[in-house]
Amino acid sequence: MNKEKYESIRPLIVLLGLAELTWLSYWLLRNSHESGFTAAVTGWALVMLVWMVWVARAGKRGLYLKHTRWLSNFIGINLVLAFGILWFKCVPGAWHGVIHAAGLATYQELASIHILRLLAVGAIIKYLQRQLPLHFLVLGAIPDFMFALSAVVVTMLLNEHTLSHAFLIAWHTTGMLVFFGALSMFFSVPSPFYIWRTVPDASIAFKFPMLLAPNFTVPLFMLAHAFALVKLIT
């Protein structure tokens, strides 16, 4: 795929984020009969939409690239995760609603959302176009893409078989840990983790649209894993 054609479809990451948000909201609301919990989920989803718009605008203005020394993308991941957990923990009755919704979701559903991570192929394409460095490909893009392939296999297996709780807990935990490889984006830009100068460096990861991954789509996938772990552990 040539660069011009790939760049013409780059808003796919926006659609990915909206698909994740819709998927998570559906899981939470489909069997909800509590108006308070419905309001809590709706409020969370609206805040996430506003956050996505703000991140996109900030990325276009170069704000994230300007502040790589402050681990700008990593801060975004933590903000989304912390807000999601604290929101449902602090709103009265919301955490009970999350546990109830998780109990009703099937293991196959909880695995299938991660098939969307096949879009990590976009980062692989950017490496082939010499827009991303090798260390990001090896530590970030390929592990994420491989986990997405495993999601295809696990989803198919769950259609025919029952996988053990221990396996599913380990699988979802691995899915969360895989994302930490993307911290290699800081290895070649000004940051506390700077190791060496590469051409190209990882500066594109701090620009729109790619910065939506660490600041929106990745933490939503992590919340999806957390949602699955709630079902598996409680």
C-alpha atoms as a PDB file:
ATOM      1  CA  MET A   1       0.000   0.000   0.000  1.00  0.00           C
ATOM      2  CA  ASN A   2       1.538   3.332  -1.024  1.00  0.00           C
ATOM      3  CA  LYS A   3       1.853   6.189   1.439  1.00  0.00           C
ATOM      4  CA  GLU A   4      -0.814   8.364  -0.191  1.00  0.00           C
ATOM      5  CA  LYS A   5      -3.425   5.603  -0.114  1.00  0.00           C
ATOM      6  CA  TYR A   6      -2.630   4.689   3.502  1.00  0.00           C
ATOM      7  CA  GLU A   7      -2.813   8.310   4.654  1.00  0.00           C
ATOM      8  CA  SER A   8      -6.206   8.635   2.941  1.00  0.00           C
ATOM      9  CA  ILE A   9      -7.670   6.030   5.328  1.00  0.00           C
ATOM     10  CA  ARG A  10      -5.823   7.061   8.468  1.00  0.00           C
ATOM     11  CA  PRO A  11      -9.036   8.218  10.248  1.00  0.00           C
ATOM     12  CA  LEU A  12      -9.655   4.478  10.748  1.00  0.00           C
ATOM     13  CA  ILE A  13      -8.156   4.951  14.199  1.00  0.00           C
ATOM     14  CA  VAL A  14     -11.014   7.348  14.997  1.00  0.00           C
ATOM     15  CA  LEU A  15     -13.524   4.709  13.914  1.00  0.00           C
ATOM     16  CA  LEU A  16     -11.634   2.128  15.970  1.00  0.00           C
ATOM     17  CA  GLY A  17     -11.947   4.283  19.079  1.00  0.00           C
ATOM     18  CA  LEU A  18     -15.645   4.878  18.494  1.00  0.00           C
ATOM     19  CA  ALA A  19     -16.195   1.142  17.922  1.00  0.00           C
ATOM     20  CA  GLU A  20     -14.467   0.314  21.218  1.00  0.00           C
ATOM     21  CA  LEU A  21     -16.450   2.918  23.119  1.00  0.00           C
ATOM     22  CA  THR A  22     -19.715   1.674  21.599  1.00  0.00           C
ATOM     23  CA  TRP A  23     -18.811  -1.951  22.350  1.00  0.00           C
ATOM     24  CA  LEU A  24     -17.967  -1.242  25.996  1.00  0.00           C
ATOM     25  CA  SER A  25     -21.077   0.899  26.481  1.00  0.00           C
ATOM     26  CA  TYR A  26     -23.236  -1.840  24.965  1.00  0.00           C
ATOM     27  CA  TRP A  27     -21.794  -4.441  27.346  1.00  0.00           C
ATOM     28  CA  LEU A  28     -22.544  -2.204  30.304  1.00  0.00           C
ATOM     29  CA  LEU A  29     -26.043  -1.120  29.297  1.00  0.00           C
ATOM     30  CA  ARG A  30     -27.698  -3.977  27.423  1.00  0.00           C
ATOM     31  CA  ASN A  31     -29.243  -5.545  30.548  1.00  0.00           C
ATOM     32  CA  SER A  32     -29.338  -2.475  32.753  1.00  0.00           C
ATOM     33  CA  HIS A  33     -32.659  -1.537  34.322  1.00  0.00           C
ATOM     34  CA  GLU A  34     -31.212   0.997  36.754  1.00  0.00           C
ATOM     35  CA  SER A  35     -31.565   4.599  35.607  1.00  0.00           C
ATOM     36  CA  GLY A  36     -28.678   5.659  37.835  1.00  0.00           C
ATOM     37  CA  PHE A  37     -26.289   3.165  36.255  1.00  0.00           C
ATOM     38  CA  THR A  38     -27.479   4.090  32.771  1.00  0.00           C
ATOM     39  CA  ALA A  39     -26.746   7.740  33.566  1.00  0.00           C
ATOM     40  CA  ALA A  40     -23.294   6.811  34.910  1.00  0.00           C
ATOM     41  CA  VAL A  41     -22.367   4.885  31.750  1.00  0.00           C
ATOM     42  CA  THR A  42     -23.748   7.630  29.504  1.00  0.00           C
ATOM     43  CA  GLY A  43     -21.792  10.259  31.412  1.00  0.00           C
ATOM     44  CA  TRP A  44     -18.580   8.258  31.147  1.00  0.00           C
ATOM     45  CA  ALA A  45     -19.047   7.726  27.399  1.00  0.00           C
ATOM     46  CA  LEU A  46     -19.677  11.430  26.811  1.00  0.00           C
ATOM     47  CA  VAL A  47     -16.552  12.391  28.751  1.00  0.00           C
ATOM     48  CA  MET A  48     -14.567   9.914  26.655  1.00  0.00           C
ATOM     49  CA  LEU A  49     -15.902  11.475  23.453  1.00  0.00           C
ATOM     50  CA  VAL A  50     -14.936  14.950  24.639  1.00  0.00           C
ATOM     51  CA  TRP A  51     -11.497  13.622  25.594  1.00  0.00           C
ATOM     52  CA  MET A  52     -11.003  12.103  22.141  1.00  0.00           C
ATOM     53  CA  VAL A  53     -11.814  15.411  20.471  1.00  0.00           C
ATOM     54  CA  TRP A  54      -9.482  17.300  22.805  1.00  0.00           C
ATOM     55  CA  VAL A  55      -6.614  14.856  22.175  1.00  0.00           C
ATOM     56  CA  ALA A  56      -7.086  15.135  18.411  1.00  0.00           C
ATOM     57  CA  ARG A  57      -7.037  18.935  18.531  1.00  0.00           C
ATOM     58  CA  ALA A  58      -4.045  19.006  20.885  1.00  0.00           C
ATOM     59  CA  GLY A  59      -2.195  16.595  18.633  1.00  0.00           C
ATOM     60  CA  LYS A  60      -2.821  18.736  15.582  1.00  0.00           C
ATOM     61  CA  ARG A  61      -1.389  21.728  17.480  1.00  0.00           C
ATOM     62  CA  GLY A  62       1.745  19.764  18.378  1.00  0.00           C
ATOM     63  CA  LEU A  63       1.096  19.815  22.129  1.00  0.00           C
ATOM     64  CA  TYR A  64       1.954  16.157  22.738  1.00  0.00           C
ATOM     65  CA  LEU A  65       5.126  16.263  20.633  1.00  0.00           C
ATOM     66  CA  LYS A  66       6.249  19.409  22.427  1.00  0.00           C
ATOM     67  CA  HIS A  67       6.002  17.741  25.837  1.00  0.00           C
ATOM     68  CA  THR A  68       7.535  14.310  25.219  1.00  0.00           C
ATOM     69  CA  ARG A  69       9.943  15.030  28.102  1.00  0.00           C
ATOM     70  CA  TRP A  70       6.897  14.849  30.371  1.00  0.00           C
ATOM     71  CA  LEU A  71       5.839  11.504  28.875  1.00  0.00           C
ATOM     72  CA  SER A  72       2.784  13.121  27.315  1.00  0.00           C
ATOM     73  CA  ASN A  73       1.339   9.968  25.739  1.00  0.00           C
ATOM     74  CA  PHE A  74       1.889   7.938  28.907  1.00  0.00           C
ATOM     75  CA  ILE A  75       0.007  10.546  30.930  1.00  0.00           C
ATOM     76  CA  GLY A  76      -2.926  10.198  28.531  1.00  0.00           C
ATOM     77  CA  ILE A  77      -3.089   6.431  29.067  1.00  0.00           C
ATOM     78  CA  ASN A  78      -3.134   6.839  32.830  1.00  0.00           C
ATOM     79  CA  LEU A  79      -5.761   9.581  32.759  1.00  0.00           C
ATOM     80  CA  VAL A  80      -8.235   7.445  30.807  1.00  0.00           C
ATOM     81  CA  LEU A  81      -7.642   4.387  32.986  1.00  0.00           C
ATOM     82  CA  ALA A  82      -7.808   6.312  36.252  1.00  0.00           C
ATOM     83  CA  PHE A  83     -10.923   8.223  35.228  1.00  0.00           C
ATOM     84  CA  GLY A  84     -12.768   5.069  34.149  1.00  0.00           C
ATOM     85  CA  ILE A  85     -11.982   3.192  37.357  1.00  0.00           C
ATOM     86  CA  LEU A  86     -12.619   6.121  39.715  1.00  0.00           C
ATOM     87  CA  TRP A  87     -15.828   7.117  37.900  1.00  0.00           C
ATOM     88  CA  PHE A  88     -17.475   3.731  38.337  1.00  0.00           C
ATOM     89  CA  LYS A  89     -16.050   3.293  41.829  1.00  0.00           C
ATOM     90  CA  CYS A  90     -17.273   6.671  43.086  1.00  0.00           C
ATOM     91  CA  VAL A  91     -20.714   6.959  41.442  1.00  0.00           C
ATOM     92  CA  PRO A  92     -23.188   5.289  43.850  1.00  0.00           C
ATOM     93  CA  GLY A  93     -24.191   1.827  42.641  1.00  0.00           C
ATOM     94  CA  ALA A  94     -22.080   2.028  39.477  1.00  0.00           C
ATOM     95  CA  TRP A  95     -19.466  -0.545  40.512  1.00  0.00           C
ATOM     96  CA  HIS A  96     -22.177  -3.059  41.341  1.00  0.00           C
ATOM     97  CA  GLY A  97     -23.613  -2.413  37.870  1.00  0.00           C
ATOM     98  CA  VAL A  98     -20.219  -3.094  36.286  1.00  0.00           C
ATOM     99  CA  ILE A  99     -19.874  -6.402  38.144  1.00  0.00           C
ATOM    100  CA  HIS A 100     -23.413  -7.386  37.112  1.00  0.00           C
ATOM    101  CA  ALA A 101     -22.783  -6.478  33.463  1.00  0.00           C
ATOM    102  CA  ALA A 102     -19.469  -8.365  33.444  1.00  0.00           C
ATOM    103  CA  GLY A 103     -21.202 -11.456  34.788  1.00  0.00           C
ATOM    104  CA  LEU A 104     -23.662 -11.416  31.882  1.00  0.00           C
ATOM    105  CA  ALA A 105     -21.024 -11.020  29.149  1.00  0.00           C
ATOM    106  CA  THR A 106     -19.772 -14.213  27.516  1.00  0.00           C
ATOM    107  CA  TYR A 107     -16.094 -15.127  27.456  1.00  0.00           C
ATOM    108  CA  GLN A 108     -16.240 -15.154  23.668  1.00  0.00           C
ATOM    109  CA  GLU A 109     -17.530 -11.579  23.586  1.00  0.00           C
ATOM    110  CA  LEU A 110     -14.820 -10.468  25.982  1.00  0.00           C
ATOM    111  CA  ALA A 111     -12.141 -11.967  23.727  1.00  0.00           C
ATOM    112  CA  SER A 112     -13.583 -10.902  20.377  1.00  0.00           C
ATOM    113  CA  ILE A 113     -13.193  -7.148  20.945  1.00  0.00           C
ATOM    114  CA  HIS A 114      -9.425  -7.605  20.830  1.00  0.00           C
ATOM    115  CA  ILE A 115      -9.615  -8.783  17.228  1.00  0.00           C
ATOM    116  CA  LEU A 116      -9.885  -5.069  16.469  1.00  0.00           C
ATOM    117  CA  ARG A 117      -6.227  -4.827  17.454  1.00  0.00           C
ATOM    118  CA  LEU A 118      -5.392  -6.280  14.043  1.00  0.00           C
ATOM    119  CA  LEU A 119      -5.356  -2.619  13.026  1.00  0.00           C
ATOM    120  CA  ALA A 120      -1.906  -2.539  14.644  1.00  0.00           C
ATOM    121  CA  VAL A 121      -0.889  -3.450  11.115  1.00  0.00           C
ATOM    122  CA  GLY A 122      -1.054   0.304  10.538  1.00  0.00           C
ATOM    123  CA  ALA A 123       2.071   0.790  12.658  1.00  0.00           C
ATOM    124  CA  ILE A 124       3.792  -1.994  10.716  1.00  0.00           C
ATOM    125  CA  ILE A 125       2.918  -0.196   7.481  1.00  0.00           C
ATOM    126  CA  LYS A 126       4.348   3.037   8.880  1.00  0.00           C
ATOM    127  CA  TYR A 127       7.605   1.255   9.657  1.00  0.00           C
ATOM    128  CA  LEU A 128       7.765  -0.059   6.079  1.00  0.00           C
ATOM    129  CA  GLN A 129       7.185   3.521   4.908  1.00  0.00           C
ATOM    130  CA  ARG A 130      10.132   4.618   7.092  1.00  0.00           C
ATOM    131  CA  GLN A 131       7.932   6.674   9.391  1.00  0.00           C
ATOM    132  CA  LEU A 132       8.604   4.630  12.558  1.00  0.00           C
ATOM    133  CA  PRO A 133      11.825   3.161  13.996  1.00  0.00           C
ATOM    134  CA  LEU A 134      12.672  -0.524  14.262  1.00  0.00           C
ATOM    135  CA  HIS A 135      12.536  -0.614  18.066  1.00  0.00           C
ATOM    136  CA  PHE A 136       8.886   0.513  18.028  1.00  0.00           C
ATOM    137  CA  LEU A 137       8.059  -2.155  15.453  1.00  0.00           C
ATOM    138  CA  VAL A 138       9.688  -4.939  17.484  1.00  0.00           C
ATOM    139  CA  LEU A 139       8.539  -3.900  20.957  1.00  0.00           C
ATOM    140  CA  GLY A 140       5.211  -2.235  20.182  1.00  0.00           C
ATOM    141  CA  ALA A 141       3.549  -3.011  16.859  1.00  0.00           C
ATOM    142  CA  ILE A 142       4.391  -6.680  16.288  1.00  0.00           C
ATOM    143  CA  PRO A 143       3.486  -7.913  19.811  1.00  0.00           C
ATOM    144  CA  ASP A 144       0.155  -6.077  19.608  1.00  0.00           C
ATOM    145  CA  PHE A 145      -0.578  -7.530  16.181  1.00  0.00           C
ATOM    146  CA  MET A 146       0.354 -11.029  17.367  1.00  0.00           C
ATOM    147  CA  PHE A 147      -1.963 -10.700  20.343  1.00  0.00           C
ATOM    148  CA  ALA A 148      -4.760  -9.688  17.968  1.00  0.00           C
ATOM    149  CA  LEU A 149      -4.138 -12.888  16.010  1.00  0.00           C
ATOM    150  CA  SER A 150      -4.364 -14.836  19.269  1.00  0.00           C
ATOM    151  CA  ALA A 151      -7.724 -13.112  19.900  1.00  0.00           C
ATOM    152  CA  VAL A 152      -8.993 -14.606  16.630  1.00  0.00           C
ATOM    153  CA  VAL A 153      -7.904 -18.079  17.770  1.00  0.00           C
ATOM    154  CA  VAL A 154      -9.267 -17.717  21.316  1.00  0.00           C
ATOM    155  CA  THR A 155     -12.605 -16.416  20.030  1.00  0.00           C
ATOM    156  CA  MET A 156     -12.920 -19.382  17.672  1.00  0.00           C
ATOM    157  CA  LEU A 157     -11.978 -21.848  20.415  1.00  0.00           C
ATOM    158  CA  LEU A 158     -14.536 -20.364  22.788  1.00  0.00           C
ATOM    159  CA  ASN A 159     -17.198 -20.981  20.160  1.00  0.00           C
ATOM    160  CA  GLU A 160     -16.604 -24.731  20.441  1.00  0.00           C
ATOM    161  CA  HIS A 161     -14.847 -25.322  23.750  1.00  0.00           C
ATOM    162  CA  THR A 162     -14.570 -24.108  27.328  1.00  0.00           C
ATOM    163  CA  LEU A 163     -11.189 -22.648  28.224  1.00  0.00           C
ATOM    164  CA  SER A 164     -10.047 -22.647  31.839  1.00  0.00           C
ATOM    165  CA  HIS A 165     -10.359 -19.593  34.057  1.00  0.00           C
ATOM    166  CA  ALA A 166      -6.602 -19.725  34.684  1.00  0.00           C
ATOM    167  CA  PHE A 167      -5.867 -19.597  30.954  1.00  0.00           C
ATOM    168  CA  LEU A 168      -8.279 -16.709  30.328  1.00  0.00           C
ATOM    169  CA  ILE A 169      -6.916 -14.714  33.276  1.00  0.00           C
ATOM    170  CA  ALA A 170      -3.380 -15.219  31.962  1.00  0.00           C
ATOM    171  CA  TRP A 171      -4.449 -14.338  28.409  1.00  0.00           C
ATOM    172  CA  HIS A 172      -6.204 -11.104  29.377  1.00  0.00           C
ATOM    173  CA  THR A 173      -3.322 -10.132  31.665  1.00  0.00           C
ATOM    174  CA  THR A 174      -0.874 -10.728  28.806  1.00  0.00           C
ATOM    175  CA  GLY A 175      -3.034  -8.562  26.561  1.00  0.00           C
ATOM    176  CA  MET A 176      -2.623  -5.672  28.985  1.00  0.00           C
ATOM    177  CA  LEU A 177       1.120  -6.186  29.436  1.00  0.00           C
ATOM    178  CA  VAL A 178       1.722  -6.231  25.672  1.00  0.00           C
ATOM    179  CA  PHE A 179       0.826  -2.555  25.519  1.00  0.00           C
ATOM    180  CA  PHE A 180       3.801  -1.615  27.678  1.00  0.00           C
ATOM    181  CA  GLY A 181       6.073  -2.410  24.742  1.00  0.00           C
ATOM    182  CA  ALA A 182       4.723   0.726  23.109  1.00  0.00           C
ATOM    183  CA  LEU A 183       6.599   2.761  25.733  1.00  0.00           C
ATOM    184  CA  SER A 184       9.529   2.260  23.365  1.00  0.00           C
ATOM    185  CA  MET A 185       8.105   5.310  21.581  1.00  0.00           C
ATOM    186  CA  PHE A 186      10.059   7.337  24.160  1.00  0.00           C
ATOM    187  CA  PHE A 187      13.410   5.703  23.306  1.00  0.00           C
ATOM    188  CA  SER A 188      14.129   8.004  20.364  1.00  0.00           C
ATOM    189  CA  VAL A 189      12.459  11.292  21.364  1.00  0.00           C
ATOM    190  CA  PRO A 190      13.438  13.713  24.155  1.00  0.00           C
ATOM    191  CA  SER A 191      12.272  11.933  27.334  1.00  0.00           C
ATOM    192  CA  PRO A 192      13.585  10.307  30.526  1.00  0.00           C
ATOM    193  CA  PHE A 193      13.735   7.036  28.539  1.00  0.00           C
ATOM    194  CA  TYR A 194      15.744   8.445  25.622  1.00  0.00           C
ATOM    195  CA  ILE A 195      18.364   5.897  24.517  1.00  0.00           C
ATOM    196  CA  TRP A 196      19.501   6.754  21.018  1.00  0.00           C
ATOM    197  CA  ARG A 197      18.801   8.872  17.993  1.00  0.00           C
ATOM    198  CA  THR A 198      17.225   7.036  15.091  1.00  0.00           C
ATOM    199  CA  VAL A 199      16.065   8.069  11.645  1.00  0.00           C
ATOM    200  CA  PRO A 200      13.146   8.004  11.618  1.00  0.00           C
ATOM    201  CA  ASP A 201      12.382   8.562  15.290  1.00  0.00           C
ATOM    202  CA  ALA A 202       9.010   7.903  16.954  1.00  0.00           C
ATOM    203  CA  SER A 203       7.766  11.494  16.801  1.00  0.00           C
ATOM    204  CA  ILE A 204       4.828  10.471  14.576  1.00  0.00           C
ATOM    205  CA  ALA A 205       3.365   8.612  17.594  1.00  0.00           C
ATOM    206  CA  PHE A 206       2.843  12.024  19.232  1.00  0.00           C
ATOM    207  CA  LYS A 207       0.968  13.509  16.271  1.00  0.00           C
ATOM    208  CA  PHE A 208      -2.602  13.147  15.046  1.00  0.00           C
ATOM    209  CA  PRO A 209      -3.918  10.641  14.196  1.00  0.00           C
ATOM    210  CA  MET A 210      -1.477   8.117  15.683  1.00  0.00           C
ATOM    211  CA  LEU A 211      -1.481   9.696  19.145  1.00  0.00           C
ATOM    212  CA  LEU A 212      -5.104   8.564  19.505  1.00  0.00           C
ATOM    213  CA  ALA A 213      -3.736   5.056  20.060  1.00  0.00           C
ATOM    214  CA  PRO A 214      -1.975   5.661  23.406  1.00  0.00           C
ATOM    215  CA  ASN A 215      -4.413   8.326  24.492  1.00  0.00           C
ATOM    216  CA  PHE A 216      -7.703   6.656  23.564  1.00  0.00           C
ATOM    217  CA  THR A 217      -7.813   3.254  21.889  1.00  0.00           C
ATOM    218  CA  VAL A 218      -5.127   1.546  24.021  1.00  0.00           C
ATOM    219  CA  PRO A 219      -6.607   2.494  27.416  1.00  0.00           C
ATOM    220  CA  LEU A 220     -10.055   1.430  26.199  1.00  0.00           C
ATOM    221  CA  PHE A 221      -8.655  -1.963  25.257  1.00  0.00           C
ATOM    222  CA  MET A 222      -7.068  -2.114  28.705  1.00  0.00           C
ATOM    223  CA  LEU A 223     -10.427  -1.310  30.294  1.00  0.00           C
ATOM    224  CA  ALA A 224     -11.957  -4.116  28.211  1.00  0.00           C
ATOM    225  CA  HIS A 225      -9.358  -6.478  29.669  1.00  0.00           C
ATOM    226  CA  ALA A 226     -10.134  -5.177  33.148  1.00  0.00           C
ATOM    227  CA  PHE A 227     -13.848  -5.753  32.505  1.00  0.00           C
ATOM    228  CA  ALA A 228     -13.087  -9.363  31.564  1.00  0.00           C
ATOM    229  CA  LEU A 229     -10.919  -9.849  34.642  1.00  0.00           C
ATOM    230  CA  VAL A 230     -13.774  -8.567  36.822  1.00  0.00           C
ATOM    231  CA  LYS A 231     -15.913 -11.422  35.468  1.00  0.00           C
ATOM    232  CA  LEU A 232     -13.157 -13.989  35.836  1.00  0.00           C
ATOM    233  CA  ILE A 233     -12.112 -13.051  39.363  1.00  0.00           C
ATOM    234  CA  THR A 234     -15.330 -11.989  41.112  1.00  0.00           C
END
